[in-house]
C-alpha atoms as a PDB file:
ATOM      1  CA  MET A   1       4.165 -47.892 121.498  1.00  0.00           C
ATOM      2  CA  LYS A   2       1.756 -51.164 121.280  1.00  0.00           C
ATOM      3  CA  LYS A   3      -0.698 -51.002 124.497  1.00  0.00           C
ATOM      4  CA  ASP A   4      -0.187 -53.699 126.777  1.00  0.00           C
ATOM      5  CA  VAL A   5      -2.941 -56.939 127.264  1.00  0.00           C
ATOM      6  CA  LYS A   6      -3.098 -58.513 130.351  1.00  0.00           C
ATOM      7  CA  ILE A   7      -4.541 -62.101 130.636  1.00  0.00           C
ATOM      8  CA  GLU A   8      -7.384 -61.910 133.407  1.00  0.00           C
ATOM      9  CA  TYR A   9      -7.830 -65.090 134.412  1.00  0.00           C
ATOM     10  CA  ARG A  10      -6.188 -68.331 135.310  1.00  0.00           C
ATOM     11  CA  LYS A  11      -6.194 -70.929 132.644  1.00  0.00           C
ATOM     12  CA  PRO A  12      -7.681 -74.333 134.010  1.00  0.00           C
ATOM     13  CA  ILE A  13      -5.940 -77.336 133.379  1.00  0.00           C
ATOM     14  CA  TYR A  14      -7.635 -79.975 130.777  1.00  0.00           C
ATOM     15  CA  PRO A  15      -7.719 -83.243 131.222  1.00  0.00           C
ATOM     16  CA  ILE A  16      -6.523 -85.916 128.031  1.00  0.00           C
ATOM     17  CA  ILE A  17      -9.653 -87.188 126.434  1.00  0.00           C
ATOM     18  CA  PRO A  18      -9.448 -91.013 124.821  1.00  0.00           C
ATOM     19  CA  GLU A  19      -8.746 -89.091 121.832  1.00  0.00           C
ATOM     20  CA  LEU A  20      -5.953 -87.420 122.184  1.00  0.00           C
ATOM     21  CA  MET A  21      -4.300 -90.018 124.533  1.00  0.00           C
ATOM     22  CA  GLU A  22      -4.641 -92.637 120.994  1.00  0.00           C
ATOM     23  CA  TYR A  23      -3.391 -89.800 119.076  1.00  0.00           C
ATOM     24  CA  LEU A  24      -0.582 -89.755 121.759  1.00  0.00           C
ATOM     25  CA  GLU A  25       0.008 -93.694 121.813  1.00  0.00           C
ATOM     26  CA  LYS A  26       0.128 -93.511 117.727  1.00  0.00           C
ATOM     27  CA  TYR A  27       2.858 -91.018 117.511  1.00  0.00           C
ATOM     28  CA  ASN A  28       5.008 -92.852 120.366  1.00  0.00           C
ATOM     29  CA  ARG A  29       4.319 -90.095 122.608  1.00  0.00           C
ATOM     30  CA  THR A  30       3.640 -92.221 125.843  1.00  0.00           C
ATOM     31  CA  THR A  31       5.430 -94.177 128.048  1.00  0.00           C
ATOM     32  CA  LYS A  32       5.323 -96.192 131.463  1.00  0.00           C
ATOM     33  CA  THR A  33       6.781 -94.529 134.753  1.00  0.00           C
ATOM     34  CA  SER A  34       6.694 -95.233 138.458  1.00  0.00           C
ATOM     35  CA  VAL A  35       6.384 -91.618 139.590  1.00  0.00           C
ATOM     36  CA  PHE A  36       3.638 -89.205 138.780  1.00  0.00           C
ATOM     37  CA  TYR A  37       3.593 -85.563 139.757  1.00  0.00           C
ATOM     38  CA  ASP A  38       1.364 -85.974 142.596  1.00  0.00           C
ATOM     39  CA  ASP A  39       4.406 -88.240 144.200  1.00  0.00           C
ATOM     40  CA  LEU A  40       6.762 -85.169 143.812  1.00  0.00           C
ATOM     41  CA  MET A  41       4.113 -82.995 145.532  1.00  0.00           C
ATOM     42  CA  ARG A  42       4.865 -84.885 148.533  1.00  0.00           C
ATOM     43  CA  PHE A  43       7.848 -82.811 149.222  1.00  0.00           C
ATOM     44  CA  SER A  44       8.737 -82.438 153.503  1.00  0.00           C
ATOM     45  CA  GLY A  45      10.808 -79.304 153.253  1.00  0.00           C
ATOM     46  CA  TYR A  46      12.112 -76.593 150.933  1.00  0.00           C
ATOM     47  CA  ILE A  47      14.087 -73.871 150.638  1.00  0.00           C
ATOM     48  CA  SER A  48      13.469 -70.526 148.611  1.00  0.00           C
ATOM     49  CA  LEU A  49      15.907 -70.340 145.481  1.00  0.00           C
ATOM     50  CA  GLU A  50      17.854 -66.802 144.777  1.00  0.00           C
ATOM     51  CA  ASP A  51      19.152 -65.561 141.299  1.00  0.00           C
ATOM     52  CA  LYS A  52      22.686 -64.321 141.602  1.00  0.00           C
ATOM     53  CA  GLU A  53      21.485 -60.997 142.350  1.00  0.00           C
ATOM     54  CA  GLY A  54      19.512 -62.046 145.626  1.00  0.00           C
ATOM     55  CA  ASN A  55      16.565 -62.100 144.085  1.00  0.00           C
ATOM     56  CA  ASP A  56      13.791 -64.359 144.371  1.00  0.00           C
ATOM     57  CA  THR A  57      13.045 -66.839 141.138  1.00  0.00           C
ATOM     58  CA  LEU A  58      10.115 -68.309 142.430  1.00  0.00           C
ATOM     59  CA  TRP A  59      11.771 -71.792 142.290  1.00  0.00           C
ATOM     60  CA  LEU A  60      11.733 -74.061 145.334  1.00  0.00           C
ATOM     61  CA  ARG A  61      14.918 -77.213 145.843  1.00  0.00           C
ATOM     62  CA  VAL A  62      12.467 -79.706 147.358  1.00  0.00           C
ATOM     63  CA  TYR A  63      13.240 -82.088 149.625  1.00  0.00           C
ATOM     64  CA  TYR A  64      11.421 -85.347 150.344  1.00  0.00           C
ATOM     65  CA  PRO A  65      11.540 -88.097 153.754  1.00  0.00           C
ATOM     66  CA  GLU A  66      14.757 -90.142 153.732  1.00  0.00           C
ATOM     67  CA  PHE A  67      13.041 -93.348 153.137  1.00  0.00           C
ATOM     68  CA  GLU A  68      11.112 -92.001 149.850  1.00  0.00           C
ATOM     69  CA  GLN A  69      14.297 -90.247 148.576  1.00  0.00           C
ATOM     70  CA  LYS A  70      16.176 -92.746 147.165  1.00  0.00           C
ATOM     71  CA  GLU A  71      13.201 -94.502 145.590  1.00  0.00           C
ATOM     72  CA  ILE A  72      12.152 -90.762 144.311  1.00  0.00           C
ATOM     73  CA  GLU A  73      15.614 -90.360 142.570  1.00  0.00           C
ATOM     74  CA  ASP A  74      15.669 -93.890 141.160  1.00  0.00           C
ATOM     75  CA  SER A  75      12.653 -93.372 139.394  1.00  0.00           C
ATOM     76  CA  LEU A  76      13.740 -89.833 138.056  1.00  0.00           C
ATOM     77  CA  ASN A  77      16.723 -91.534 136.630  1.00  0.00           C
ATOM     78  CA  ARG A  78      15.260 -94.108 134.452  1.00  0.00           C
ATOM     79  CA  ILE A  79      12.402 -91.311 133.664  1.00  0.00           C
ATOM     80  CA  TYR A  80      15.622 -89.379 131.773  1.00  0.00           C
ATOM     81  CA  THR A  81      16.597 -92.336 130.084  1.00  0.00           C
ATOM     82  CA  LEU A  82      13.273 -93.174 128.836  1.00  0.00           C
ATOM     83  CA  LEU A  83      13.207 -89.201 127.696  1.00  0.00           C
ATOM     84  CA  HIS A  84      16.892 -89.526 126.085  1.00  0.00           C
ATOM     85  CA  SER A  85      17.958 -92.689 125.619  1.00  0.00           C
ATOM     86  CA  ASN A  86      15.011 -95.156 125.256  1.00  0.00           C
ATOM     87  CA  GLY A  87      15.351 -96.620 128.303  1.00  0.00           C
ATOM     88  CA  ASP A  88      18.504 -97.882 128.416  1.00  0.00           C
ATOM     89  CA  LYS A  89      18.899 -99.218 131.544  1.00  0.00           C
ATOM     90  CA  ASP A  90      23.228 -99.581 131.283  1.00  0.00           C
ATOM     91  CA  VAL A  91      23.712 -96.208 132.117  1.00  0.00           C
ATOM     92  CA  LEU A  92      21.642 -95.881 135.500  1.00  0.00           C
ATOM     93  CA  PRO A  93      24.608 -96.425 137.419  1.00  0.00           C
ATOM     94  CA  TYR A  94      26.131 -93.453 136.419  1.00  0.00           C
ATOM     95  CA  LEU A  95      23.438 -90.903 136.692  1.00  0.00           C
ATOM     96  CA  LYS A  96      22.769 -88.985 139.958  1.00  0.00           C
ATOM     97  CA  VAL A  97      20.001 -86.851 140.710  1.00  0.00           C
ATOM     98  CA  ASP A  98      21.612 -83.866 141.837  1.00  0.00           C
ATOM     99  CA  CYS A  99      18.434 -81.681 142.284  1.00  0.00           C
ATOM    100  CA  ILE A 100      14.686 -81.178 142.194  1.00  0.00           C
ATOM    101  CA  ASP A 101      12.926 -77.642 142.311  1.00  0.00           C
ATOM    102  CA  PHE A 102       9.303 -77.018 142.176  1.00  0.00           C
ATOM    103  CA  CYS A 103       8.020 -73.367 140.691  1.00  0.00           C
ATOM    104  CA  THR A 104       5.279 -71.187 142.709  1.00  0.00           C
ATOM    105  CA  PHE A 105       4.623 -69.414 139.517  1.00  0.00           C
ATOM    106  CA  GLY A 106       2.448 -69.857 136.212  1.00  0.00           C
ATOM    107  CA  ASN A 107      -0.161 -72.326 135.603  1.00  0.00           C
ATOM    108  CA  SER A 108       1.823 -75.417 135.448  1.00  0.00           C
ATOM    109  CA  LYS A 109       3.814 -75.096 138.560  1.00  0.00           C
ATOM    110  CA  PRO A 110       6.584 -77.720 137.363  1.00  0.00           C
ATOM    111  CA  PHE A 111       9.571 -79.780 138.444  1.00  0.00           C
ATOM    112  CA  ARG A 112      12.579 -79.298 137.790  1.00  0.00           C
ATOM    113  CA  VAL A 113      14.816 -82.400 138.153  1.00  0.00           C
ATOM    114  CA  LYS A 114      18.717 -82.370 137.397  1.00  0.00           C
ATOM    115  CA  VAL A 115      20.156 -85.255 136.795  1.00  0.00           C
ATOM    116  CA  ARG A 116      24.184 -85.759 136.215  1.00  0.00           C
ATOM    117  CA  ASN A 117      26.496 -87.667 134.548  1.00  0.00           C
ATOM    118  CA  ILE A 118      29.142 -88.943 137.057  1.00  0.00           C
ATOM    119  CA  LEU A 119      31.449 -90.041 134.651  1.00  0.00           C
ATOM    120  CA  ASN A 120      31.819 -86.479 133.663  1.00  0.00           C
ATOM    121  CA  ASP A 121      29.960 -84.300 135.113  1.00  0.00           C
ATOM    122  CA  ASN A 122      27.235 -82.781 132.364  1.00  0.00           C
ATOM    123  CA  TYR A 123      23.804 -82.602 133.670  1.00  0.00           C
ATOM    124  CA  THR A 124      20.477 -82.081 132.074  1.00  0.00           C
ATOM    125  CA  ASN A 125      17.095 -80.758 133.430  1.00  0.00           C
ATOM    126  CA  PHE A 126      13.665 -81.981 132.444  1.00  0.00           C
ATOM    127  CA  TYR A 127      10.455 -81.367 133.904  1.00  0.00           C
ATOM    128  CA  ILE A 128       7.584 -83.127 135.128  1.00  0.00           C
ATOM    129  CA  LYS A 129       3.940 -81.497 135.300  1.00  0.00           C
ATOM    130  CA  ARG A 130       0.506 -82.293 135.214  1.00  0.00           C
ATOM    131  CA  ALA A 131      -0.569 -83.242 131.721  1.00  0.00           C
ATOM    132  CA  ASP A 132      -2.923 -80.520 130.238  1.00  0.00           C
ATOM    133  CA  ALA A 133      -4.811 -80.754 127.144  1.00  0.00           C
ATOM    134  CA  SER A 134      -3.929 -77.123 125.823  1.00  0.00           C
ATOM    135  CA  ARG A 135      -0.197 -77.759 126.510  1.00  0.00           C
ATOM    136  CA  LEU A 136       0.475 -81.087 124.734  1.00  0.00           C
ATOM    137  CA  TYR A 137      -1.448 -79.634 121.555  1.00  0.00           C
ATOM    138  CA  GLY A 138       0.922 -76.572 121.535  1.00  0.00           C
ATOM    139  CA  LEU A 139       3.639 -79.243 122.090  1.00  0.00           C
ATOM    140  CA  GLU A 140       2.729 -81.041 119.385  1.00  0.00           C
ATOM    141  CA  LEU A 141       1.747 -77.980 116.926  1.00  0.00           C
ATOM    142  CA  GLU A 142       5.124 -76.650 117.738  1.00  0.00           C
ATOM    143  CA  GLU A 143       6.776 -79.698 116.436  1.00  0.00           C
ATOM    144  CA  MET A 144       5.059 -79.427 113.266  1.00  0.00           C
ATOM    145  CA  LEU A 145       5.004 -75.810 112.256  1.00  0.00           C
ATOM    146  CA  SER A 146       8.145 -74.663 113.558  1.00  0.00           C
ATOM    147  CA  PRO A 147      11.934 -76.519 113.031  1.00  0.00           C
ATOM    148  CA  TYR A 148      12.702 -77.437 116.310  1.00  0.00           C
ATOM    149  CA  PRO A 149      11.673 -80.837 117.807  1.00  0.00           C
ATOM    150  CA  MET A 150       9.854 -81.340 120.502  1.00  0.00           C
ATOM    151  CA  ASN A 151      10.943 -83.704 123.081  1.00  0.00           C
ATOM    152  CA  TYR A 152       8.457 -85.432 125.364  1.00  0.00           C
ATOM    153  CA  LEU A 153       6.383 -88.159 127.018  1.00  0.00           C
ATOM    154  CA  VAL A 154       2.931 -88.850 128.671  1.00  0.00           C
ATOM    155  CA  TYR A 155       1.844 -91.619 131.117  1.00  0.00           C
ATOM    156  CA  LYS A 156      -1.387 -91.011 132.048  1.00  0.00           C
ATOM    157  CA  ASP A 157      -2.131 -87.362 134.032  1.00  0.00           C
ATOM    158  CA  THR A 158       2.043 -87.034 134.311  1.00  0.00           C
ATOM    159  CA  LEU A 159       3.824 -85.331 131.764  1.00  0.00           C
ATOM    160  CA  ILE A 160       7.820 -85.333 131.267  1.00  0.00           C
ATOM    161  CA  GLU A 161       9.382 -82.520 129.168  1.00  0.00           C
ATOM    162  CA  GLU A 162      12.893 -81.744 128.035  1.00  0.00           C
ATOM    163  CA  HIS A 163      14.242 -78.486 128.842  1.00  0.00           C
ATOM    164  CA  ILE A 164      14.346 -76.181 125.956  1.00  0.00           C
ATOM    165  CA  LEU A 165      18.466 -74.610 126.099  1.00  0.00           C
ATOM    166  CA  GLY A 166      18.305 -70.927 125.780  1.00  0.00           C
ATOM    167  CA  ILE A 167      18.698 -67.279 127.758  1.00  0.00           C
ATOM    168  CA  PRO A 168      15.088 -66.330 128.780  1.00  0.00           C
ATOM    169  CA  GLY A 169      13.911 -63.270 127.114  1.00  0.00           C
ATOM    170  CA  ASP A 170      13.582 -61.569 130.016  1.00  0.00           C
ATOM    171  CA  VAL A 171      17.169 -61.800 131.451  1.00  0.00           C
ATOM    172  CA  PHE A 172      18.359 -61.342 127.875  1.00  0.00           C
ATOM    173  CA  ILE A 173      16.361 -58.161 127.263  1.00  0.00           C
ATOM    174  CA  LYS A 174      17.754 -56.806 130.472  1.00  0.00           C
ATOM    175  CA  ASN A 175      21.465 -57.815 130.188  1.00  0.00           C
ATOM    176  CA  HIS A 176      22.202 -58.766 126.844  1.00  0.00           C
ATOM    177  CA  LEU A 177      20.509 -57.059 124.566  1.00  0.00           C
ATOM    178  CA  PRO A 178      22.115 -53.459 124.960  1.00  0.00           C
ATOM    179  CA  ASN A 179      25.462 -54.963 124.655  1.00  0.00           C
ATOM    180  CA  CYS A 180      24.077 -56.206 120.946  1.00  0.00           C
ATOM    181  CA  THR A 181      26.241 -54.280 118.039  1.00  0.00           C
ATOM    182  CA  GLU A 182      23.377 -52.163 115.415  1.00  0.00           C
ATOM    183  CA  LEU A 183      23.782 -55.395 113.443  1.00  0.00           C
ATOM    184  CA  GLU A 184      22.737 -57.765 115.917  1.00  0.00           C
ATOM    185  CA  LYS A 185      20.086 -55.700 116.781  1.00  0.00           C
ATOM    186  CA  ALA A 186      18.509 -56.102 113.408  1.00  0.00           C
ATOM    187  CA  GLN A 187      18.538 -59.407 112.957  1.00  0.00           C
ATOM    188  CA  ILE A 188      16.921 -60.146 116.407  1.00  0.00           C
ATOM    189  CA  SER A 189      14.521 -57.641 114.779  1.00  0.00           C
ATOM    190  CA  LYS A 190      13.884 -59.666 112.128  1.00  0.00           C
ATOM    191  CA  GLU A 191      13.616 -63.042 114.375  1.00  0.00           C
ATOM    192  CA  PHE A 192      11.063 -61.288 116.652  1.00  0.00           C
ATOM    193  CA  VAL A 193       8.747 -60.036 113.882  1.00  0.00           C
ATOM    194  CA  LYS A 194       8.810 -63.990 112.312  1.00  0.00           C
ATOM    195  CA  PHE A 195       8.041 -65.044 116.061  1.00  0.00           C
ATOM    196  CA  ASN A 196       5.408 -63.008 115.921  1.00  0.00           C
ATOM    197  CA  GLU A 197       3.755 -64.137 113.161  1.00  0.00           C
ATOM    198  CA  ARG A 198       4.299 -67.833 113.975  1.00  0.00           C
ATOM    199  CA  CYS A 199       2.706 -67.706 117.379  1.00  0.00           C
ATOM    200  CA  MET A 200      -0.464 -65.882 116.405  1.00  0.00           C
ATOM    201  CA  LEU A 201      -1.066 -67.961 113.099  1.00  0.00           C
ATOM    202  CA  GLY A 202      -0.377 -71.373 115.550  1.00  0.00           C
ATOM    203  CA  LEU A 203      -2.407 -69.787 118.081  1.00  0.00           C
ATOM    204  CA  LEU A 204       0.224 -70.096 120.592  1.00  0.00           C
ATOM    205  CA  GLY A 205      -0.542 -67.052 123.377  1.00  0.00           C
ATOM    206  CA  ASP A 206       1.070 -65.526 126.280  1.00  0.00           C
ATOM    207  CA  MET A 207       4.331 -65.012 124.955  1.00  0.00           C
ATOM    208  CA  ARG A 208       5.471 -63.171 127.614  1.00  0.00           C
ATOM    209  CA  SER A 209       9.555 -62.295 127.689  1.00  0.00           C
ATOM    210  CA  TYR A 210       9.775 -65.015 130.495  1.00  0.00           C
ATOM    211  CA  ASN A 211       7.751 -67.687 128.050  1.00  0.00           C
ATOM    212  CA  TYR A 212      10.473 -67.616 125.017  1.00  0.00           C
ATOM    213  CA  VAL A 213      14.148 -68.252 124.943  1.00  0.00           C
ATOM    214  CA  ILE A 214      16.521 -66.287 122.673  1.00  0.00           C
ATOM    215  CA  ILE A 215      19.149 -68.976 120.981  1.00  0.00           C
ATOM    216  CA  PRO A 216      22.630 -67.464 120.077  1.00  0.00           C
ATOM    217  CA  THR A 217      24.358 -69.792 117.678  1.00  0.00           C
ATOM    218  CA  HIS A 218      28.193 -68.828 116.287  1.00  0.00           C
ATOM    219  CA  ASP A 219      28.077 -68.968 112.189  1.00  0.00           C
ATOM    220  CA  PHE A 220      31.677 -68.191 111.264  1.00  0.00           C
ATOM    221  CA  ASP A 221      31.839 -64.404 111.794  1.00  0.00           C
ATOM    222  CA  GLN A 222      29.012 -63.750 113.603  1.00  0.00           C
ATOM    223  CA  VAL A 223      26.256 -64.655 115.747  1.00  0.00           C
ATOM    224  CA  VAL A 224      22.946 -65.536 114.456  1.00  0.00           C
ATOM    225  CA  TYR A 225      19.762 -65.502 117.003  1.00  0.00           C
ATOM    226  CA  ARG A 226      16.659 -67.882 116.894  1.00  0.00           C
ATOM    227  CA  ILE A 227      13.619 -67.016 119.362  1.00  0.00           C
ATOM    228  CA  ARG A 228      12.156 -70.665 120.759  1.00  0.00           C
ATOM    229  CA  PRO A 229       8.832 -70.498 122.924  1.00  0.00           C
ATOM    230  CA  ILE A 230       9.449 -72.752 126.363  1.00  0.00           C
ATOM    231  CA  ASP A 231       5.720 -72.642 127.493  1.00  0.00           C
ATOM    232  CA  PHE A 232       2.287 -73.960 125.827  1.00  0.00           C
ATOM    233  CA  ASP A 233       0.042 -73.651 128.536  1.00  0.00           C
ATOM    234  CA  GLN A 234      -2.040 -71.126 126.225  1.00  0.00           C
ATOM    235  CA  GLN A 235      -2.405 -73.092 123.459  1.00  0.00           C
ATOM    236  CA  ASN A 236      -6.044 -72.001 121.477  1.00  0.00           C
ATOM    237  CA  TYR A 237      -7.293 -70.518 124.781  1.00  0.00           C
ATOM    238  CA  GLU A 238      -7.836 -67.141 125.126  1.00  0.00           C
ATOM    239  CA  GLY A 239     -10.266 -65.315 123.214  1.00  0.00           C
ATOM    240  CA  ASN A 240      -8.348 -61.999 122.679  1.00  0.00           C
ATOM    241  CA  LEU A 241      -6.520 -62.126 119.382  1.00  0.00           C
ATOM    242  CA  LYS A 242      -4.128 -59.638 121.283  1.00  0.00           C
ATOM    243  CA  ILE A 243      -2.738 -62.646 123.526  1.00  0.00           C
ATOM    244  CA  TYR A 244      -1.349 -64.732 120.556  1.00  0.00           C
ATOM    245  CA  LEU A 245       0.814 -61.411 119.268  1.00  0.00           C
ATOM    246  CA  PRO A 246       3.779 -61.281 121.529  1.00  0.00           C
ATOM    247  CA  GLN A 247       4.010 -57.344 120.755  1.00  0.00           C
ATOM    248  CA  TYR A 248       1.356 -56.444 122.520  1.00  0.00           C
ATOM    249  CA  PHE A 249       2.821 -57.421 126.254  1.00  0.00           C
ATOM    250  CA  LYS A 250       4.634 -54.577 128.255  1.00  0.00           C
ATOM    251  CA  GLU A 251       7.395 -57.211 128.997  1.00  0.00           C
ATOM    252  CA  ASN A 252       7.923 -57.047 124.872  1.00  0.00           C
ATOM    253  CA  PHE A 253       7.993 -53.140 124.241  1.00  0.00           C
ATOM    254  CA  PRO A 254      11.969 -53.044 124.385  1.00  0.00           C
ATOM    255  CA  MET A 255      12.072 -55.638 121.390  1.00  0.00           C
ATOM    256  CA  VAL A 256       8.793 -53.652 119.652  1.00  0.00           C
ATOM    257  CA  GLN A 257      10.517 -50.516 120.057  1.00  0.00           C
ATOM    258  CA  MET A 258      13.840 -51.907 118.710  1.00  0.00           C
ATOM    259  CA  VAL A 259      11.849 -53.306 115.678  1.00  0.00           C
ATOM    260  CA  LEU A 260      10.445 -50.341 114.612  1.00  0.00           C
ATOM    261  CA  GLU A 261      13.717 -48.404 114.979  1.00  0.00           C
ATOM    262  CA  LYS A 262      15.390 -51.307 112.512  1.00  0.00           C
ATOM    263  CA  LEU A 263      13.341 -52.639 109.881  1.00  0.00           C
ATOM    264  CA  VAL A 264      11.253 -50.594 107.605  1.00  0.00           C
ATOM    265  CA  ARG A 265       7.669 -51.952 107.240  1.00  0.00           C
ATOM    266  CA  GLY A 266       8.371 -53.258 103.809  1.00  0.00           C
ATOM    267  CA  SER A 267      10.375 -55.953 104.862  1.00  0.00           C
ATOM    268  CA  MET A 268       8.545 -56.865 108.197  1.00  0.00           C
ATOM    269  CA  GLU A 269       5.866 -57.750 105.164  1.00  0.00           C
ATOM    270  CA  GLN A 270       8.682 -59.802 103.832  1.00  0.00           C
ATOM    271  CA  TYR A 271       9.497 -61.824 106.989  1.00  0.00           C
ATOM    272  CA  ARG A 272       5.713 -62.242 107.709  1.00  0.00           C
ATOM    273  CA  ARG A 273       5.028 -63.706 104.363  1.00  0.00           C
ATOM    274  CA  GLU A 274       8.406 -65.950 104.742  1.00  0.00           C
ATOM    275  CA  VAL A 275       6.873 -67.519 107.922  1.00  0.00           C
ATOM    276  CA  ARG A 276       3.565 -67.973 106.077  1.00  0.00           C
ATOM    277  CA  SER A 277       4.977 -69.898 103.569  1.00  0.00           C
ATOM    278  CA  VAL A 278       7.286 -72.376 105.747  1.00  0.00           C
ATOM    279  CA  ILE A 279       4.328 -72.962 108.008  1.00  0.00           C
ATOM    280  CA  ALA A 280       2.474 -74.232 104.784  1.00  0.00           C
ATOM    281  CA  ARG A 281       4.948 -76.105 103.593  1.00  0.00           C
ATOM    282  CA  ARG A 282       5.546 -78.095 106.964  1.00  0.00           C
ATOM    283  CA  VAL A 283       1.618 -78.650 107.433  1.00  0.00           C
ATOM    284  CA  LEU A 284       1.442 -80.257 103.800  1.00  0.00           C
ATOM    285  CA  ALA A 285       4.770 -82.207 104.379  1.00  0.00           C
ATOM    286  CA  ASN A 286       3.202 -83.279 107.549  1.00  0.00           C
ATOM    287  CA  LYS A 287      -0.382 -83.823 106.447  1.00  0.00           C
ATOM    288  CA  GLU A 288      -1.211 -86.882 108.086  1.00  0.00           C
ATOM    289  CA  ARG A 289      -0.278 -86.358 111.320  1.00  0.00           C
ATOM    290  CA  PHE A 290      -1.853 -82.639 111.352  1.00  0.00           C
ATOM    291  CA  ASP A 291      -4.866 -83.951 110.246  1.00  0.00           C
ATOM    292  CA  ASP A 292      -4.964 -86.428 112.841  1.00  0.00           C
ATOM    293  CA  LEU A 293      -4.067 -83.528 115.352  1.00  0.00           C
ATOM    294  CA  ILE A 294      -6.977 -81.395 113.918  1.00  0.00           C
ATOM    295  CA  ALA A 295      -9.517 -84.218 114.303  1.00  0.00           C
ATOM    296  CA  VAL A 296      -8.783 -84.552 117.760  1.00  0.00           C
ATOM    297  CA  MET A 297      -8.921 -81.030 118.748  1.00  0.00           C
ATOM    298  CA  LYS A 298     -11.949 -80.054 116.809  1.00  0.00           C
ATOM    299  CA  LYS A 299     -13.751 -82.732 119.300  1.00  0.00           C
ATOM    300  CA  ASP A 300     -12.229 -81.342 122.453  1.00  0.00           C
ATOM    301  CA  ASN A 301     -13.706 -78.711 124.493  1.00  0.00           C
ATOM    302  CA  ILE A 302     -10.253 -76.591 125.550  1.00  0.00           C
ATOM    303  CA  ALA A 303     -11.690 -73.056 126.309  1.00  0.00           C
ATOM    304  CA  PRO A 304     -15.124 -71.746 126.982  1.00  0.00           C
ATOM    305  CA  TYR A 305     -17.405 -71.184 124.275  1.00  0.00           C
ATOM    306  CA  GLU A 306     -17.128 -67.369 124.768  1.00  0.00           C
ATOM    307  CA  HIS A 307     -13.585 -67.155 123.919  1.00  0.00           C
ATOM    308  CA  VAL A 308     -14.251 -69.313 120.478  1.00  0.00           C
ATOM    309  CA  GLU A 309     -17.074 -66.768 119.607  1.00  0.00           C
ATOM    310  CA  ASN A 310     -14.692 -63.622 120.544  1.00  0.00           C
ATOM    311  CA  LEU A 311     -11.592 -65.513 118.384  1.00  0.00           C
ATOM    312  CA  ARG A 312     -13.767 -66.528 115.531  1.00  0.00           C
ATOM    313  CA  LYS A 313     -15.230 -62.853 115.271  1.00  0.00           C
ATOM    314  CA  ALA A 314     -11.682 -61.548 115.750  1.00  0.00           C
ATOM    315  CA  LEU A 315     -10.435 -63.391 112.925  1.00  0.00           C
ATOM    316  CA  GLN A 316     -13.083 -63.056 110.381  1.00  0.00           C
ATOM    317  CA  LYS A 317     -12.521 -59.425 111.087  1.00  0.00           C
ATOM    318  CA  LEU A 318      -8.599 -59.598 110.086  1.00  0.00           C
ATOM    319  CA  THR A 319      -9.004 -62.028 107.208  1.00  0.00           C
ATOM    320  CA  HIS A 320     -12.425 -61.717 105.448  1.00  0.00           C
ATOM    321  CA  GLU A 321     -12.400 -65.317 105.893  1.00  0.00           C
ATOM    322  CA  LYS A 322     -16.273 -66.166 106.142  1.00  0.00           C
ATOM    323  CA  ALA A 323     -15.274 -69.572 107.512  1.00  0.00           C
ATOM    324  CA  PHE A 324     -14.334 -68.143 110.946  1.00  0.00           C
ATOM    325  CA  LYS A 325     -18.177 -68.061 111.141  1.00  0.00           C
ATOM    326  CA  GLN A 326     -18.684 -71.586 111.017  1.00  0.00           C
ATOM    327  CA  CYS A 327     -16.295 -72.567 113.558  1.00  0.00           C
ATOM    328  CA  GLU A 328     -17.920 -73.681 116.926  1.00  0.00           C
ATOM    329  CA  THR A 329     -14.636 -75.630 118.755  1.00  0.00           C
ATOM    330  CA  MET A 330     -10.968 -73.978 119.271  1.00  0.00           C
ATOM    331  CA  GLY A 331      -9.837 -76.682 116.696  1.00  0.00           C
ATOM    332  CA  GLU A 332     -11.664 -75.757 114.371  1.00  0.00           C
ATOM    333  CA  ILE A 333     -10.170 -72.176 114.385  1.00  0.00           C
ATOM    334  CA  LEU A 334      -7.338 -73.376 114.232  1.00  0.00           C
ATOM    335  CA  ASP A 335      -7.690 -75.200 111.147  1.00  0.00           C
ATOM    336  CA  THR A 336      -9.619 -72.525 109.319  1.00  0.00           C
ATOM    337  CA  ALA A 337      -6.539 -70.392 110.085  1.00  0.00           C
ATOM    338  CA  ILE A 338      -4.179 -72.971 108.944  1.00  0.00           C
ATOM    339  CA  GLN A 339      -6.132 -73.776 105.631  1.00  0.00           C
ATOM    340  CA  PHE A 340      -6.438 -69.999 104.906  1.00  0.00           C
ATOM    341  CA  VAL A 341      -2.296 -69.778 104.846  1.00  0.00           C
ATOM    342  CA  ILE A 342      -2.047 -72.970 102.758  1.00  0.00           C
ATOM    343  CA  ARG A 343      -4.489 -71.413 100.251  1.00  0.00           C
ATOM    344  CA  ASN A 344      -2.463 -68.095 100.105  1.00  0.00           C
ATOM    345  CA  TYR A 345       0.576 -70.049  99.717  1.00  0.00           C
ATOM    346  CA  LYS A 346      -0.713 -72.283  96.422  1.00  0.00           C
ATOM    347  CA  ASN A 347      -2.486 -69.330  95.164  1.00  0.00           C
ATOM    348  CA  THR A 348       1.345 -67.506  94.931  1.00  0.00           C
ATOM    349  CA  ASN A 349       3.019 -70.580  93.757  1.00  0.00           C
END
């Protein structure tokens, strides 16, 4: 079993530099709203939320003074339309905010807003958070390096983010994994190896089991599972390379053990190569956007310099790529890592 790694210090929130805001505007990630994260922080009361087993979820259902509640709900309904229908006002009469929840755990401390369509009782969640540069880089890289589109908007220092559907990894490991068939466990093992590789190549850290979701999809006579990250706060921040590898977190040890039981080393390497090839193709297909993002990242300070030094040394030792020695920012490290993958991809094709 792999040795557990720990994140020692809470990551600070990094502000959006002007160059990053220009990038977000260029690629239609900005909007205007009448409610900010700080406005939602002015709640006047709350109740603690528990799960079905009576355990504290670390979420609070919050309430606002009566004279503010309606104004806040109207603003949140308009935000919903900006996120899902380009601000279509015709749907506003059919939208109702059922609840606003606040999370007391983690870096981003998000608000979760549940909006219901009163015509059919379908509901959708979205989140409002402080706009952290690390998270924005993570969201953009997920858009480019993975098969999943990311739906979010930014207004000044407020981030509006669509809810990502799926079963939280910790819940899946505890309640669902024991009931999976042996064939399903083998398939999940393959996906975990790919997920592990994707996180390392994209330098997305802290993928403990509650920071990703498992997505089951029915396909003819089988269920296919995918793994998708839902937390991007630790993008290019840590200096310890192991924090970018989900396999080293104790919360993921049941998955790691299953991989070791179900897969042989040769097949693991095959799946890693598949991930590297897919990422190389995706970057080449999104070259202008990727280059624009990397140009901003190279200028931005999103980690202590000590972290930059430690990470570049670890990656140079792992890959024997001398270019890592010249990296002075996390953006330069990420670009060097991706270019290394692309170069190997081209050499094998």
